[in-house]
Protein backbone atom coordinates (compact mmCIF):
# COMPACT_ATOMS: atom_id res chain seq x y z
CA MET A 1 -0.21 0.17 0.02
CA GLY A 2 1.37 3.82 -0.67
CA ASN A 3 2.15 3.48 -3.79
CA ASN A 4 0.34 6.08 -6.77
CA ASP A 5 -2.66 5.62 -8.26
CA GLU A 6 -2.70 1.87 -6.46
CA VAL A 7 -6.39 1.75 -5.53
CA PHE A 8 -7.91 0.09 -2.25
CA LYS A 9 -11.17 -0.24 -1.11
CA LEU A 10 -12.49 0.13 2.63
CA SER A 11 -15.00 -1.44 4.83
CA ASP A 12 -17.70 0.59 3.72
CA GLY A 13 -17.07 0.15 0.28
CA SER A 14 -15.60 3.31 -0.69
CA VAL A 15 -13.26 3.11 -3.04
CA TRP A 16 -10.18 5.40 -3.30
CA GLN A 17 -6.69 5.70 -4.77
CA VAL A 18 -3.68 6.60 -3.79
CA LYS A 19 -2.49 10.61 -5.42
CA TYR A 20 1.31 11.40 -5.70
CA GLU A 21 2.19 9.17 -2.97
CA TYR A 22 5.72 6.07 -3.31
CA GLU A 23 5.54 5.01 0.04
CA TYR A 24 5.97 0.77 0.78
CA MET A 25 3.88 0.32 3.45
CA TYR A 26 2.70 -3.82 4.17
CA GLU A 27 -0.25 -3.92 6.55
CA TYR A 28 -3.08 -6.83 6.58
CA LEU A 29 -6.51 -5.80 7.36
CA PRO A 30 -5.01 -1.82 8.38
CA GLU A 31 -7.24 0.02 10.83
CA VAL A 32 -6.94 3.59 9.20
CA MET A 33 -8.96 7.54 9.12
CA ILE A 34 -9.90 9.07 5.85
CA CYS A 35 -10.55 12.81 5.64
CA PRO A 36 -12.14 13.18 2.40
CA ARG A 37 -12.37 16.87 2.71
CA ARG A 38 -8.39 16.80 2.78
CA GLY A 39 -8.09 14.05 0.25
CA LYS A 40 -5.11 12.54 3.30
CA LEU A 41 -5.57 9.41 4.73
CA ILE A 42 -3.56 8.94 8.13
CA ILE A 43 -2.73 5.04 9.12
CA GLY A 44 -0.20 4.98 12.04
CA LYS A 45 1.86 7.56 11.65
CA LYS A 46 1.81 7.76 8.29
CA SER A 47 -0.25 10.09 6.13
CA LEU A 48 -1.05 9.71 2.07
CA ASN A 49 -2.64 12.25 -0.54
CA VAL A 50 -5.93 10.03 -1.96
CA GLU A 51 -8.48 11.00 -4.11
CA GLN A 52 -12.33 8.97 -3.38
CA MET A 53 -13.43 7.03 -6.79
CA ALA A 54 -16.52 6.04 -5.16
CA SER A 55 -19.10 6.11 -2.80
CA GLY A 56 -19.16 3.29 0.42
CA ARG A 57 -22.84 1.93 0.26
CA ALA A 58 -24.65 3.71 3.42
CA GLN A 59 -23.99 7.13 1.05
CA GLN A 60 -24.33 4.89 -2.37
CA PRO A 61 -26.02 7.67 -4.26
CA SER A 62 -28.36 6.44 -6.97
CA ARG A 63 -27.43 5.48 -10.77
CA SER A 64 -28.50 8.72 -12.46
CA SER A 65 -27.93 10.81 -9.50
CA ALA A 66 -24.26 9.15 -9.95
CA ALA A 67 -23.82 9.71 -13.44
CA ALA A 68 -25.35 13.28 -13.21
CA THR A 69 -22.54 14.58 -10.50
CA GLY A 70 -19.92 12.44 -12.24
CA LYS A 71 -19.21 9.65 -9.30
CA TRP A 72 -17.92 6.24 -10.24
CA GLU A 73 -19.90 3.79 -8.00
CA ILE A 74 -19.30 -0.09 -7.88
CA TYR A 75 -21.02 -1.54 -11.18
CA GLU A 76 -19.59 -5.42 -9.73
CA GLU A 77 -16.55 -7.27 -9.15
CA THR A 78 -15.32 -10.52 -10.17
CA ASN A 79 -12.84 -11.48 -12.14
CA LEU A 80 -12.18 -11.47 -15.66
CA GLN A 81 -12.42 -15.17 -17.70
CA GLY A 82 -8.95 -17.31 -19.04
CA SER A 83 -5.31 -16.64 -18.93
CA ILE A 84 -4.70 -13.33 -19.98
CA SER A 85 -0.55 -12.80 -21.29
CA GLY A 86 0.91 -10.19 -23.64
CA THR A 87 0.15 -6.41 -24.38
CA VAL A 88 -3.12 -4.86 -22.89
CA LYS A 89 -3.71 -1.81 -25.55
CA GLN A 90 -6.56 0.10 -26.86
CA GLY A 91 -9.32 -2.08 -28.28
CA SER A 92 -8.60 -5.41 -26.14
CA ILE A 93 -11.36 -7.12 -24.79
CA PHE A 94 -12.27 -8.51 -21.41
CA LYS A 95 -15.16 -10.19 -20.64
CA THR A 96 -15.83 -10.99 -17.69
CA ILE A 97 -17.30 -14.36 -15.65
CA SER A 98 -20.10 -12.89 -14.38
CA GLY A 99 -21.00 -12.43 -18.61
CA ASN A 100 -20.15 -8.78 -18.81
CA VAL A 101 -17.65 -7.44 -22.01
CA TYR A 102 -15.80 -4.93 -21.56
CA GLU A 103 -13.56 -3.30 -25.15
CA VAL A 104 -10.13 -0.49 -23.55
CA THR A 105 -11.35 2.49 -25.20
CA GLY A 106 -8.81 4.93 -22.93
CA LEU A 107 -4.55 4.89 -23.88
CA THR A 108 -2.69 2.77 -22.05
CA LEU A 109 -0.17 0.11 -23.05
CA GLN A 110 0.80 -2.99 -20.56
CA LEU A 111 2.40 -6.31 -20.25
CA VAL A 112 0.96 -8.39 -18.72
CA LEU A 113 1.18 -12.65 -17.10
CA GLU A 114 -2.27 -13.32 -15.28
CA LEU A 115 -4.85 -15.88 -14.52
CA ALA A 116 -8.12 -14.78 -13.93
CA PRO A 117 -7.06 -12.26 -11.62
CA GLU A 118 -9.74 -9.85 -9.65
CA VAL A 119 -11.37 -6.83 -11.28
CA MET A 120 -13.28 -4.28 -9.60
CA VAL A 121 -15.42 -2.71 -12.47
CA LEU A 122 -16.17 1.28 -11.61
CA ARG A 123 -18.96 3.05 -14.04
CA ASN A 124 -19.66 6.45 -14.48
CA GLY A 125 -22.40 7.30 -17.03
CA GLU A 126 -21.57 5.06 -19.88
CA THR A 127 -17.42 4.62 -19.31
CA TYR A 128 -16.36 1.67 -17.30
CA LYS A 129 -13.33 1.81 -15.37
CA LEU A 130 -11.78 -1.83 -14.64
CA VAL A 131 -9.03 -2.04 -11.69
CA VAL A 132 -8.02 -5.35 -12.53
CA LYS A 133 -5.25 -7.19 -10.36
CA GLY A 134 -1.76 -7.16 -11.25
CA PHE A 135 -2.17 -4.53 -14.07
CA ASP A 136 0.25 -1.52 -13.53
CA GLU A 137 -2.53 0.62 -14.23
CA PRO A 138 -6.96 0.75 -14.24
CA LEU A 139 -8.58 0.44 -17.52
CA ILE A 140 -10.74 2.53 -19.58
CA CYS A 141 -13.58 0.82 -20.90
CA ARG A 142 -16.48 0.50 -22.20
CA LYS A 143 -19.28 -2.38 -21.89
CA LEU A 144 -20.35 -4.51 -25.27
CA ASN A 145 -23.38 -5.93 -24.07
């Protein structure tokens, strides 16, 4: 935990992203405190810059209001089908075990080797962000089905 662009989920269901930090931290189920207005996560005696990507269960907006306010919401948490090896770039297609199919529309170039990796899919209107375990950065996508 603590590297720039790392994405994590809190027990309330909210999703956060580390911003502009490179702090090696190893914690198993850490207790953290978040200050959303200041964009800070406090863990022990350390503080990290963070940005909220999606609201938690208690404050989850409806689908229409989430799109209107430009907020990301959790769409699904599942795994990608099969093994993914080679280069991931714009135009790559991924299918989740739940049956959803996504095409990468954002600019990315990553070399990966993963077997049925976990994926958290965030949604903002008709745009989807796939946060795939083992990938260097999230993938901006559109849903094909």
